[in-house]
């Protein structure tokens, strides 16, 4: 009887949450009427999101979000998030969309929608140049820092399991904390997006870090709630137009020093 009550209570909770999310469906017209687009951005994940010396949010995700808000004709409101709480913030209606190095994964597709992809996020493992890491199997016995809930976490967990490598995955709550663990010598090996790995290497030259393994390359898209089809259709068209006119590529080149792929996998 207690188990039945528990299952019933969980089902009711999900139903109530679903109803709450449904009540807050957004359309482009509603956002225009409000005059503000609320975008979830991880401002602790350079060069996607970061703070300049004046504590102003900058980065590729910020510029992408600003371009989208400008084209909608509304003001941009940045909602700071971490890799782990991007989806919960979206589903709880604390943000209209997610632009936070948001890679497309099968697991996330179960709970959110994605726009057409507008970029790519390579996921890598970096370590000191002296370390021998020719394959995932070589992670056996090593501590690997990663930000919880990110694609790096997903891919590292998958790769280690498939290789049967007894690695110790040390999960931190956000990229900034994971990066600090590497910079301060708490950990030597980092699983992260390529941009993050490069940034950590540049900021900690004494660690002699280099990319050792590439775990995956994810297409990157705008995250939306599943009950916002009109907003998704508008953003899909927006992505197509701004890939064609080169504006999204200009942002990518500015922060990653390379052009977007001619064809971005979906």
Protein backbone atom coordinates (compact mmCIF):
# COMPACT_ATOMS: atom_id res chain seq x y z
CA UNK A 1 0.00 0.00 0.00
CA UNK A 2 2.81 2.42 0.87
CA UNK A 3 4.50 1.71 -2.47
CA UNK A 4 1.22 2.38 -4.32
CA UNK A 5 0.85 5.68 -2.52
CA UNK A 6 4.44 6.60 -3.33
CA UNK A 7 4.01 5.79 -7.04
CA UNK A 8 0.73 7.65 -7.11
CA UNK A 9 2.29 10.64 -5.42
CA UNK A 10 5.19 10.73 -7.88
CA UNK A 11 2.80 10.47 -10.82
CA UNK A 12 0.71 13.32 -9.44
CA UNK A 13 3.82 15.46 -8.93
CA UNK A 14 4.90 14.93 -12.55
CA UNK A 15 1.40 15.68 -13.76
CA UNK A 16 1.26 18.91 -11.77
CA UNK A 17 4.72 19.92 -13.03
CA UNK A 18 3.71 19.19 -16.61
CA UNK A 19 0.57 21.24 -16.17
CA UNK A 20 2.56 24.12 -14.70
CA UNK A 21 4.96 24.09 -17.64
CA UNK A 22 2.10 23.88 -20.14
CA UNK A 23 0.53 26.96 -18.61
CA UNK A 24 3.63 28.95 -19.46
CA UNK A 25 3.99 28.13 -23.15
CA UNK A 26 5.73 30.93 -25.03
CA UNK A 27 5.16 32.19 -28.55
CA UNK A 28 7.17 34.86 -30.38
CA UNK A 29 4.23 37.24 -30.09
CA UNK A 30 3.97 36.76 -26.32
CA UNK A 31 7.68 37.45 -25.93
CA UNK A 32 7.37 40.56 -28.11
CA UNK A 33 4.44 41.76 -26.02
CA UNK A 34 6.42 41.22 -22.83
CA UNK A 35 9.38 43.02 -24.39
CA UNK A 36 12.03 40.72 -22.89
CA UNK A 37 13.60 37.41 -23.91
CA UNK A 38 14.86 35.40 -20.92
CA UNK A 39 17.83 33.29 -22.00
CA UNK A 40 19.58 30.76 -19.76
CA UNK A 41 23.36 31.16 -20.21
CA UNK A 42 26.22 29.58 -18.28
CA UNK A 43 28.43 32.60 -17.56
CA UNK A 44 31.08 30.43 -15.89
CA UNK A 45 31.97 28.60 -19.12
CA UNK A 46 34.32 30.69 -21.29
CA UNK A 47 34.37 31.49 -24.12
CA UNK A 48 30.63 30.65 -24.32
CA UNK A 49 29.78 32.74 -21.27
CA UNK A 50 31.96 34.74 -18.87
CA UNK A 51 32.26 38.08 -17.07
CA UNK A 52 34.56 40.87 -18.22
CA UNK A 53 36.53 43.05 -15.72
CA UNK A 54 33.45 45.23 -15.33
CA UNK A 55 31.32 42.16 -14.44
CA UNK A 56 29.45 42.38 -17.72
CA UNK A 57 28.39 39.08 -19.29
CA UNK A 58 30.21 38.39 -22.56
CA UNK A 59 30.98 35.38 -24.74
CA UNK A 60 29.73 33.54 -27.81
CA UNK A 61 26.48 32.44 -26.13
CA UNK A 62 25.83 35.99 -24.95
CA UNK A 63 26.34 37.39 -28.46
CA UNK A 64 24.15 34.66 -29.97
CA UNK A 65 21.42 35.40 -27.42
CA UNK A 66 21.72 39.14 -28.08
CA UNK A 67 21.43 38.60 -31.84
CA UNK A 68 18.30 36.53 -31.30
CA UNK A 69 16.76 39.11 -28.97
CA UNK A 70 17.59 41.92 -31.41
CA UNK A 71 15.93 40.06 -34.28
CA UNK A 72 12.85 39.51 -32.11
CA UNK A 73 12.86 43.22 -31.31
CA UNK A 74 13.07 42.74 -27.53
CA UNK A 75 15.54 43.24 -24.69
CA UNK A 76 17.80 40.38 -23.61
CA UNK A 77 17.58 39.17 -20.02
CA UNK A 78 20.41 36.78 -19.17
CA UNK A 79 19.44 34.08 -16.66
CA UNK A 80 22.69 32.66 -15.18
CA UNK A 81 22.75 28.86 -15.01
CA UNK A 82 25.23 26.00 -14.64
CA UNK A 83 25.59 22.93 -16.81
CA UNK A 84 23.58 20.91 -14.31
CA UNK A 85 20.58 23.23 -13.95
CA UNK A 86 20.04 24.44 -17.52
CA UNK A 87 17.18 22.03 -18.16
CA UNK A 88 15.50 22.45 -14.74
CA UNK A 89 15.51 26.24 -15.16
CA UNK A 90 13.91 25.91 -18.58
CA UNK A 91 11.23 23.46 -17.42
CA UNK A 92 10.45 25.57 -14.36
CA UNK A 93 9.83 28.59 -16.65
CA UNK A 94 12.72 30.55 -15.17
CA UNK A 95 13.92 31.05 -18.76
CA UNK A 96 12.27 31.08 -22.19
CA UNK A 97 15.13 29.29 -23.96
CA UNK A 98 18.60 27.91 -23.29
CA UNK A 99 21.70 29.14 -25.13
CA UNK A 100 24.46 27.66 -22.99
CA UNK A 101 26.78 25.52 -25.14
CA UNK A 102 23.70 23.28 -25.22
CA UNK A 103 24.63 20.13 -27.10
CA UNK A 104 22.03 17.83 -28.63
CA UNK A 105 21.82 14.50 -26.79
CA UNK A 106 19.29 11.68 -26.90
CA UNK A 107 18.73 11.90 -23.15
CA UNK A 108 17.89 15.59 -23.27
CA UNK A 109 15.56 15.05 -26.22
CA UNK A 110 13.30 13.12 -23.86
CA UNK A 111 12.49 16.27 -21.91
CA UNK A 112 13.28 19.28 -24.14
CA UNK A 113 13.11 20.37 -27.76
CA UNK A 114 16.01 21.69 -29.79
CA UNK A 115 16.21 24.22 -32.58
CA UNK A 116 18.15 23.49 -35.72
CA UNK A 117 21.84 23.29 -34.70
CA UNK A 118 23.89 26.45 -35.13
CA UNK A 119 27.31 25.23 -33.95
CA UNK A 120 29.38 22.30 -32.71
CA UNK A 121 30.95 21.39 -29.37
CA UNK A 122 33.91 18.96 -29.43
CA UNK A 123 34.30 17.04 -26.15
CA UNK A 124 37.87 16.15 -25.18
CA UNK A 125 40.14 14.88 -22.42
CA UNK A 126 43.21 16.95 -21.59
CA UNK A 127 46.16 16.12 -19.34
CA UNK A 128 49.81 17.07 -18.84
CA UNK A 129 52.00 16.45 -21.89
CA UNK A 130 53.98 13.91 -19.90
CA UNK A 131 50.89 11.75 -19.30
CA UNK A 132 50.38 8.69 -21.50
CA UNK A 133 46.78 8.74 -22.73
CA UNK A 134 46.50 7.09 -26.12
CA UNK A 135 43.02 5.67 -25.54
CA UNK A 136 40.16 5.75 -23.06
CA UNK A 137 41.52 2.54 -21.52
CA UNK A 138 44.53 4.55 -20.33
CA UNK A 139 42.24 6.49 -17.96
CA UNK A 140 42.19 3.44 -15.69
CA UNK A 141 43.35 4.38 -12.21
CA UNK A 142 43.27 8.11 -12.93
CA UNK A 143 41.11 10.83 -11.38
CA UNK A 144 39.24 12.76 -14.08
CA UNK A 145 37.60 16.10 -13.29
CA UNK A 146 34.35 16.96 -15.09
CA UNK A 147 31.39 19.29 -14.61
CA UNK A 148 28.30 17.39 -13.55
CA UNK A 149 25.49 17.03 -16.10
CA UNK A 150 27.48 18.30 -19.09
CA UNK A 151 28.05 16.45 -22.35
CA UNK A 152 31.61 15.88 -21.14
CA UNK A 153 30.17 14.05 -18.14
CA UNK A 154 27.89 11.99 -20.39
CA UNK A 155 30.61 11.09 -22.89
CA UNK A 156 33.27 10.41 -20.27
CA UNK A 157 30.92 8.08 -18.38
CA UNK A 158 30.02 6.26 -21.60
CA UNK A 159 33.60 5.98 -22.84
CA UNK A 160 34.97 4.71 -19.53
CA UNK A 161 32.20 2.13 -19.26
CA UNK A 162 32.70 0.90 -22.82
CA UNK A 163 36.46 0.63 -22.33
CA UNK A 164 36.05 -1.13 -18.99
CA UNK A 165 38.49 1.37 -17.52
CA UNK A 166 38.37 1.76 -13.74
CA UNK A 167 38.72 5.53 -13.81
CA UNK A 168 37.59 7.72 -10.91
CA UNK A 169 35.25 10.36 -12.32
CA UNK A 170 35.31 13.38 -10.00
CA UNK A 171 32.18 15.43 -10.70
CA UNK A 172 32.06 19.13 -9.85
CA UNK A 173 28.92 21.25 -9.81
CA UNK A 174 29.99 23.55 -12.65
CA UNK A 175 32.78 24.17 -15.16
CA UNK A 176 34.39 26.89 -13.06
CA UNK A 177 34.87 24.56 -10.09
CA UNK A 178 36.17 21.73 -12.28
CA UNK A 179 38.61 24.11 -13.97
CA UNK A 180 39.82 25.39 -10.60
CA UNK A 181 40.49 21.81 -9.49
CA UNK A 182 42.86 21.44 -12.45
CA UNK A 183 44.47 24.85 -12.04
CA UNK A 184 45.18 24.27 -8.33
CA UNK A 185 46.55 20.77 -8.86
CA UNK A 186 43.72 18.93 -7.11
CA UNK A 187 43.28 16.94 -10.33
CA UNK A 188 45.49 16.42 -13.39
CA UNK A 189 43.05 15.16 -16.01
CA UNK A 190 40.05 17.12 -17.32
CA UNK A 191 37.11 16.10 -19.49
CA UNK A 192 35.44 19.15 -21.04
CA UNK A 193 34.46 20.96 -24.18
CA UNK A 194 37.45 21.77 -26.39
CA UNK A 195 37.11 25.48 -25.70
CA UNK A 196 37.20 24.89 -21.95
CA UNK A 197 40.21 22.59 -22.19
CA UNK A 198 42.09 25.19 -24.26
CA UNK A 199 41.16 27.98 -21.86
CA UNK A 200 42.37 26.02 -18.83
CA UNK A 201 45.64 25.22 -20.62
CA UNK A 202 46.18 28.89 -21.47
CA UNK A 203 45.42 30.07 -17.94
CA UNK A 204 47.63 27.44 -16.30
CA UNK A 205 50.74 27.20 -18.52
CA UNK A 206 52.71 25.59 -15.69
CA UNK A 207 50.48 22.50 -15.96
CA UNK A 208 51.63 21.81 -19.55
CA UNK A 209 48.18 20.60 -20.53
CA UNK A 210 47.29 19.33 -23.98
CA UNK A 211 44.34 17.56 -25.58
CA UNK A 212 44.88 13.81 -25.42
CA UNK A 213 41.56 12.29 -26.52
CA UNK A 214 38.49 13.42 -28.44
CA UNK A 215 35.40 11.74 -27.01
CA UNK A 216 32.73 13.22 -29.31
CA UNK A 217 31.65 16.27 -31.35
CA UNK A 218 28.14 17.41 -30.57
CA UNK A 219 25.92 19.70 -32.63
CA UNK A 220 24.87 22.70 -30.52
CA UNK A 221 21.37 24.18 -30.55
CA UNK A 222 18.89 26.39 -28.73
CA UNK A 223 16.98 24.50 -26.04
CA UNK A 224 13.21 24.95 -25.79
CA UNK A 225 10.29 23.45 -23.91
CA UNK A 226 8.37 20.80 -25.80
CA UNK A 227 5.13 22.78 -25.65
CA UNK A 228 6.55 25.83 -27.49
CA UNK A 229 6.16 24.77 -31.15
CA UNK A 230 5.61 28.30 -32.49
CA UNK A 231 8.76 29.57 -30.80
CA UNK A 232 10.72 26.57 -32.10
CA UNK A 233 9.52 27.21 -35.67
CA UNK A 234 10.55 30.88 -35.42
CA UNK A 235 13.99 30.04 -34.02
CA UNK A 236 14.55 27.29 -36.62
CA UNK A 237 13.95 29.87 -39.35
CA UNK A 238 16.18 32.35 -37.51
CA UNK A 239 19.03 29.84 -37.29
CA UNK A 240 18.79 29.08 -41.00
CA UNK A 241 18.79 32.77 -41.93
CA UNK A 242 21.74 33.66 -39.70
CA UNK A 243 23.81 30.72 -40.83
CA UNK A 244 23.18 31.79 -44.40
CA UNK A 245 24.02 35.46 -43.84
CA UNK A 246 27.15 34.54 -41.88
CA UNK A 247 26.31 36.28 -38.59
CA UNK A 248 26.46 33.09 -36.53
CA UNK A 249 29.74 32.14 -38.21
CA UNK A 250 31.18 35.57 -37.34
CA UNK A 251 30.45 34.95 -33.66
CA UNK A 252 31.99 31.46 -33.85
CA UNK A 253 35.15 32.73 -35.55
CA UNK A 254 35.51 35.54 -32.99
CA UNK A 255 35.60 33.13 -30.06
CA UNK A 256 36.95 29.87 -31.52
CA UNK A 257 39.31 31.13 -34.27
CA UNK A 258 37.82 28.84 -36.89
CA UNK A 259 34.82 28.71 -39.18
CA UNK A 260 31.76 26.63 -38.53
CA UNK A 261 31.61 23.36 -40.48
CA UNK A 262 30.02 23.77 -43.91
CA UNK A 263 27.44 21.21 -42.84
CA UNK A 264 26.43 20.94 -39.17
CA UNK A 265 25.11 17.47 -38.27
CA UNK A 266 21.66 17.36 -36.72
